[in-house]
Amino acid sequence: MHGEVGDYLIGRLNELKLKYEMVKEIRGKGLVIAIEFGEPKSFKLRIGWNLVHKASKGLFGQMIVVPLFTDHRILSQVPGHNMDVVKDSSPLTITKKEADYFVEASRSSGGRMS
């Protein structure tokens, strides 16, 4: 069951790569899933990316994690110091409906980047 929902969630999160050029990779196994971000190609977004990283190398991930929690009550984390990766902390009881909620919340939080 966990593998099925995890595969479903990874597939849905991969849709974000089509919309947000900062989404570099979606990876995971089962319900251990991470979204890695990378420097965008477009000039306008790259300027913002560079400003955020000059202010604090660890700030970008927090700009995703904090709105996910405060706006959507989704617990996620940056898995290491100065990483542009957000790790999903889904419970083992997650359903496809809740996975869809996470994707839409991620899309909403990611909208701050565009």
N, C-alpha and C. Protein backbone atom coordinates (compact mmCIF):
# COMPACT_ATOMS: atom_id res chain seq x y z
N MET A 1 0.83 -1.21 0.00
CA MET A 1 0.00 0.00 0.00
C MET A 1 0.87 1.26 0.00
N HIS A 2 1.91 1.29 0.88
CA HIS A 2 2.75 2.49 0.97
C HIS A 2 3.46 2.77 -0.36
N GLY A 3 3.93 1.70 -1.02
CA GLY A 3 4.59 1.86 -2.31
C GLY A 3 3.66 2.42 -3.36
N GLU A 4 2.41 1.97 -3.33
CA GLU A 4 1.43 2.43 -4.31
C GLU A 4 1.16 3.92 -4.15
N VAL A 5 0.92 4.37 -2.93
CA VAL A 5 0.65 5.79 -2.68
C VAL A 5 1.91 6.60 -2.91
N GLY A 6 3.07 6.06 -2.52
CA GLY A 6 4.33 6.76 -2.75
C GLY A 6 4.60 6.96 -4.23
N ASP A 7 4.39 5.93 -5.03
CA ASP A 7 4.57 6.04 -6.48
C ASP A 7 3.59 7.05 -7.06
N TYR A 8 2.36 7.03 -6.56
CA TYR A 8 1.35 7.98 -7.01
C TYR A 8 1.79 9.42 -6.68
N LEU A 9 2.26 9.62 -5.46
CA LEU A 9 2.69 10.96 -5.03
C LEU A 9 3.90 11.43 -5.84
N ILE A 10 4.86 10.57 -6.08
CA ILE A 10 6.02 10.95 -6.89
C ILE A 10 5.57 11.34 -8.30
N GLY A 11 4.65 10.57 -8.86
CA GLY A 11 4.12 10.89 -10.19
C GLY A 11 3.44 12.24 -10.23
N ARG A 12 2.64 12.51 -9.22
CA ARG A 12 1.94 13.82 -9.15
C ARG A 12 2.93 14.96 -8.95
N LEU A 13 3.94 14.74 -8.10
CA LEU A 13 4.93 15.80 -7.87
C LEU A 13 5.76 16.07 -9.11
N ASN A 14 5.97 15.06 -9.93
CA ASN A 14 6.71 15.26 -11.18
C ASN A 14 6.00 16.24 -12.10
N GLU A 15 4.69 16.40 -11.93
CA GLU A 15 3.94 17.40 -12.70
C GLU A 15 4.46 18.81 -12.39
N LEU A 16 4.98 19.01 -11.19
CA LEU A 16 5.49 20.33 -10.80
C LEU A 16 6.72 20.71 -11.63
N LYS A 17 7.48 19.70 -12.07
CA LYS A 17 8.66 19.99 -12.90
C LYS A 17 8.26 20.66 -14.21
N LEU A 18 7.07 20.37 -14.69
CA LEU A 18 6.60 20.98 -15.93
C LEU A 18 6.22 22.44 -15.75
N LYS A 19 5.79 22.80 -14.55
CA LYS A 19 5.32 24.15 -14.30
C LYS A 19 6.40 25.07 -13.70
N TYR A 20 7.26 24.52 -12.87
CA TYR A 20 8.24 25.33 -12.16
C TYR A 20 9.65 24.92 -12.56
N GLU A 21 10.35 25.84 -13.22
CA GLU A 21 11.69 25.49 -13.69
C GLU A 21 12.69 25.32 -12.55
N MET A 22 12.36 25.74 -11.35
CA MET A 22 13.25 25.55 -10.22
C MET A 22 13.18 24.12 -9.66
N VAL A 23 12.14 23.38 -10.01
CA VAL A 23 12.04 21.99 -9.54
C VAL A 23 12.97 21.16 -10.41
N LYS A 24 14.05 20.70 -9.79
CA LYS A 24 15.09 19.97 -10.52
C LYS A 24 14.81 18.47 -10.57
N GLU A 25 14.41 17.90 -9.42
CA GLU A 25 14.22 16.46 -9.37
C GLU A 25 13.26 16.09 -8.25
N ILE A 26 12.46 15.07 -8.51
CA ILE A 26 11.61 14.45 -7.49
C ILE A 26 12.17 13.05 -7.30
N ARG A 27 12.49 12.70 -6.08
CA ARG A 27 13.02 11.35 -5.86
C ARG A 27 12.47 10.78 -4.57
N GLY A 28 12.48 9.47 -4.49
CA GLY A 28 12.02 8.85 -3.28
C GLY A 28 11.79 7.37 -3.44
N LYS A 29 11.46 6.76 -2.35
CA LYS A 29 11.12 5.35 -2.30
C LYS A 29 10.06 5.19 -1.23
N GLY A 30 8.96 4.54 -1.61
CA GLY A 30 7.86 4.45 -0.66
C GLY A 30 7.33 5.84 -0.36
N LEU A 31 7.24 6.16 0.91
CA LEU A 31 6.75 7.49 1.31
C LEU A 31 7.87 8.42 1.76
N VAL A 32 9.11 8.06 1.50
CA VAL A 32 10.25 8.94 1.77
C VAL A 32 10.53 9.66 0.45
N ILE A 33 10.09 10.91 0.37
CA ILE A 33 10.10 11.64 -0.90
C ILE A 33 10.75 13.00 -0.71
N ALA A 34 11.55 13.40 -1.69
CA ALA A 34 12.22 14.70 -1.63
C ALA A 34 12.02 15.44 -2.95
N ILE A 35 11.94 16.75 -2.83
CA ILE A 35 11.88 17.64 -3.98
C ILE A 35 13.16 18.44 -3.97
N GLU A 36 13.96 18.31 -5.03
CA GLU A 36 15.20 19.08 -5.12
C GLU A 36 14.99 20.25 -6.06
N PHE A 37 15.47 21.40 -5.65
CA PHE A 37 15.35 22.62 -6.44
C PHE A 37 16.71 23.00 -6.99
N GLY A 38 16.73 23.66 -8.12
CA GLY A 38 17.97 24.10 -8.74
C GLY A 38 17.80 25.46 -9.37
N GLU A 39 18.91 26.07 -9.68
CA GLU A 39 18.89 27.41 -10.25
C GLU A 39 18.12 27.42 -11.57
N PRO A 40 17.18 28.35 -11.71
CA PRO A 40 16.37 28.41 -12.93
C PRO A 40 17.18 28.95 -14.11
N LYS A 41 16.68 28.70 -15.31
CA LYS A 41 17.34 29.17 -16.53
C LYS A 41 16.93 30.59 -16.90
N SER A 42 15.68 30.94 -16.62
CA SER A 42 15.20 32.26 -17.03
C SER A 42 15.87 33.35 -16.18
N PHE A 43 16.19 34.44 -16.83
CA PHE A 43 16.94 35.53 -16.20
C PHE A 43 16.21 36.10 -14.98
N LYS A 44 14.92 36.37 -15.13
CA LYS A 44 14.13 36.98 -14.05
C LYS A 44 14.15 36.10 -12.79
N LEU A 45 13.89 34.81 -12.95
CA LEU A 45 13.89 33.92 -11.80
C LEU A 45 15.29 33.70 -11.23
N ARG A 46 16.28 33.69 -12.11
CA ARG A 46 17.67 33.49 -11.65
C ARG A 46 18.13 34.65 -10.77
N ILE A 47 17.68 35.86 -11.06
CA ILE A 47 18.02 37.01 -10.23
C ILE A 47 17.48 36.80 -8.81
N GLY A 48 16.22 36.43 -8.70
CA GLY A 48 15.62 36.17 -7.39
C GLY A 48 16.31 35.02 -6.67
N TRP A 49 16.61 33.95 -7.40
CA TRP A 49 17.30 32.78 -6.85
C TRP A 49 18.65 33.21 -6.24
N ASN A 50 19.41 34.00 -7.02
CA ASN A 50 20.72 34.42 -6.55
C ASN A 50 20.63 35.36 -5.35
N LEU A 51 19.64 36.23 -5.34
CA LEU A 51 19.45 37.13 -4.19
C LEU A 51 19.14 36.33 -2.91
N VAL A 52 18.26 35.37 -3.03
CA VAL A 52 17.91 34.54 -1.86
C VAL A 52 19.14 33.79 -1.37
N HIS A 53 19.92 33.23 -2.28
CA HIS A 53 21.10 32.45 -1.88
C HIS A 53 22.22 33.34 -1.33
N LYS A 54 22.29 34.59 -1.78
CA LYS A 54 23.28 35.51 -1.20
C LYS A 54 22.87 35.94 0.20
N ALA A 55 21.57 36.09 0.41
CA ALA A 55 21.08 36.47 1.74
C ALA A 55 21.39 35.37 2.75
N SER A 56 21.10 34.12 2.36
CA SER A 56 21.37 32.97 3.24
C SER A 56 21.24 31.71 2.41
N LYS A 57 22.27 30.89 2.39
CA LYS A 57 22.25 29.68 1.56
C LYS A 57 21.15 28.71 1.98
N GLY A 58 20.72 28.74 3.22
CA GLY A 58 19.69 27.82 3.69
C GLY A 58 18.28 28.39 3.63
N LEU A 59 18.13 29.60 3.11
CA LEU A 59 16.83 30.28 3.14
C LEU A 59 15.82 29.71 2.15
N PHE A 60 16.25 29.29 0.98
CA PHE A 60 15.31 28.88 -0.06
C PHE A 60 14.41 27.75 0.41
N GLY A 61 14.98 26.70 0.96
CA GLY A 61 14.17 25.58 1.43
C GLY A 61 13.15 26.00 2.47
N GLN A 62 13.57 26.91 3.34
CA GLN A 62 12.65 27.39 4.37
C GLN A 62 11.50 28.19 3.77
N MET A 63 11.76 28.83 2.61
CA MET A 63 10.70 29.57 1.94
C MET A 63 9.62 28.64 1.39
N ILE A 64 9.91 27.36 1.29
CA ILE A 64 8.94 26.36 0.86
C ILE A 64 8.31 25.70 2.09
N VAL A 65 9.15 25.31 3.03
CA VAL A 65 8.71 24.56 4.22
C VAL A 65 7.76 25.37 5.09
N VAL A 66 8.09 26.62 5.35
CA VAL A 66 7.27 27.44 6.26
C VAL A 66 5.86 27.64 5.73
N PRO A 67 5.66 28.04 4.47
CA PRO A 67 4.27 28.16 3.99
C PRO A 67 3.52 26.83 3.95
N LEU A 68 4.23 25.74 3.66
CA LEU A 68 3.54 24.44 3.68
C LEU A 68 2.96 24.18 5.06
N PHE A 69 3.72 24.55 6.09
CA PHE A 69 3.22 24.31 7.45
C PHE A 69 2.20 25.35 7.88
N THR A 70 2.51 26.62 7.72
CA THR A 70 1.62 27.66 8.24
C THR A 70 0.32 27.78 7.45
N ASP A 71 0.38 27.61 6.14
CA ASP A 71 -0.81 27.77 5.31
C ASP A 71 -1.61 26.48 5.14
N HIS A 72 -0.91 25.32 5.19
CA HIS A 72 -1.56 24.05 4.85
C HIS A 72 -1.44 22.98 5.93
N ARG A 73 -0.71 23.28 7.00
CA ARG A 73 -0.49 22.33 8.10
C ARG A 73 0.17 21.03 7.63
N ILE A 74 1.11 21.18 6.69
CA ILE A 74 1.87 20.05 6.18
C ILE A 74 3.27 20.10 6.75
N LEU A 75 3.67 19.03 7.40
CA LEU A 75 4.99 18.95 8.01
C LEU A 75 5.99 18.44 6.97
N SER A 76 7.00 19.24 6.69
CA SER A 76 8.08 18.87 5.79
C SER A 76 9.35 19.46 6.38
N GLN A 77 10.48 19.17 5.76
CA GLN A 77 11.73 19.69 6.32
C GLN A 77 12.79 19.81 5.24
N VAL A 78 13.78 20.64 5.53
CA VAL A 78 14.99 20.71 4.72
C VAL A 78 15.93 19.68 5.35
N PRO A 79 16.37 18.67 4.59
CA PRO A 79 17.09 17.55 5.20
C PRO A 79 18.54 17.81 5.58
N GLY A 80 19.08 18.98 5.27
CA GLY A 80 20.45 19.27 5.64
C GLY A 80 20.77 20.74 5.52
N HIS A 81 21.87 21.14 6.10
CA HIS A 81 22.31 22.53 6.10
C HIS A 81 22.61 23.01 4.68
N ASN A 82 22.06 24.14 4.32
CA ASN A 82 22.29 24.78 3.02
C ASN A 82 21.88 23.91 1.83
N MET A 83 20.85 23.14 1.97
CA MET A 83 20.37 22.29 0.88
C MET A 83 19.10 22.89 0.27
N ASP A 84 19.00 22.81 -1.04
CA ASP A 84 17.80 23.24 -1.75
C ASP A 84 16.91 22.03 -2.00
N VAL A 85 16.62 21.32 -0.93
CA VAL A 85 15.81 20.11 -0.98
C VAL A 85 14.76 20.20 0.12
N VAL A 86 13.55 19.79 -0.21
CA VAL A 86 12.48 19.71 0.78
C VAL A 86 12.05 18.26 0.85
N LYS A 87 12.03 17.73 2.06
CA LYS A 87 11.65 16.33 2.28
C LYS A 87 10.23 16.29 2.82
N ASP A 88 9.42 15.48 2.20
CA ASP A 88 8.05 15.27 2.65
C ASP A 88 8.07 14.34 3.87
N SER A 89 7.28 14.66 4.85
CA SER A 89 7.20 13.82 6.05
C SER A 89 5.79 13.25 6.19
N SER A 90 5.32 12.61 5.13
CA SER A 90 3.96 12.06 5.13
C SER A 90 3.85 10.90 6.12
N PRO A 91 2.71 10.79 6.78
CA PRO A 91 2.50 9.63 7.66
C PRO A 91 2.28 8.36 6.83
N LEU A 92 2.50 7.23 7.43
CA LEU A 92 2.33 5.96 6.73
C LEU A 92 0.87 5.68 6.37
N THR A 93 -0.04 6.45 6.92
CA THR A 93 -1.47 6.25 6.65
C THR A 93 -2.00 7.16 5.54
N ILE A 94 -1.12 7.85 4.82
CA ILE A 94 -1.54 8.80 3.80
C ILE A 94 -2.35 8.09 2.70
N THR A 95 -3.36 8.79 2.22
CA THR A 95 -4.20 8.29 1.13
C THR A 95 -3.89 9.06 -0.15
N LYS A 96 -4.42 8.61 -1.27
CA LYS A 96 -4.21 9.34 -2.52
C LYS A 96 -4.84 10.73 -2.46
N LYS A 97 -5.96 10.85 -1.76
CA LYS A 97 -6.61 12.16 -1.62
C LYS A 97 -5.69 13.11 -0.85
N GLU A 98 -5.06 12.62 0.20
CA GLU A 98 -4.13 13.45 0.97
C GLU A 98 -2.86 13.74 0.17
N ALA A 99 -2.44 12.79 -0.66
CA ALA A 99 -1.29 13.03 -1.54
C ALA A 99 -1.62 14.16 -2.51
N ASP A 100 -2.84 14.16 -3.05
CA ASP A 100 -3.28 15.24 -3.94
C ASP A 100 -3.26 16.58 -3.21
N TYR A 101 -3.67 16.58 -1.95
CA TYR A 101 -3.65 17.81 -1.15
C TYR A 101 -2.22 18.33 -1.01
N PHE A 102 -1.28 17.42 -0.77
CA PHE A 102 0.13 17.82 -0.65
C PHE A 102 0.64 18.43 -1.95
N VAL A 103 0.28 17.83 -3.09
CA VAL A 103 0.73 18.34 -4.38
C VAL A 103 0.15 19.73 -4.62
N GLU A 104 -1.13 19.91 -4.35
CA GLU A 104 -1.75 21.22 -4.56
C GLU A 104 -1.17 22.26 -3.60
N ALA A 105 -0.89 21.87 -2.37
CA ALA A 105 -0.27 22.79 -1.42
C ALA A 105 1.14 23.15 -1.87
N SER A 106 1.87 22.19 -2.40
CA SER A 106 3.22 22.45 -2.91
C SER A 106 3.14 23.39 -4.11
N ARG A 107 2.15 23.18 -4.94
CA ARG A 107 1.96 24.07 -6.10
C ARG A 107 1.65 25.49 -5.62
N SER A 108 0.83 25.61 -4.60
CA SER A 108 0.47 26.90 -4.03
C SER A 108 1.70 27.58 -3.42
N SER A 109 2.49 26.82 -2.66
CA SER A 109 3.69 27.38 -2.05
C SER A 109 4.73 27.69 -3.11
N GLY A 110 4.79 26.88 -4.16
CA GLY A 110 5.72 27.11 -5.25
C GLY A 110 5.34 28.32 -6.08
N GLY A 111 4.08 28.69 -6.05
CA GLY A 111 3.63 29.86 -6.79
C GLY A 111 4.30 31.14 -6.34
N ARG A 112 4.84 31.13 -5.14
CA ARG A 112 5.58 32.29 -4.64
C ARG A 112 6.89 32.46 -5.40
N MET A 113 7.32 31.42 -6.10
CA MET A 113 8.59 31.47 -6.81
C MET A 113 8.45 32.00 -8.22
N SER A 114 7.24 32.04 -8.75
CA SER A 114 7.10 32.43 -10.15
C SER A 114 6.66 33.86 -10.29
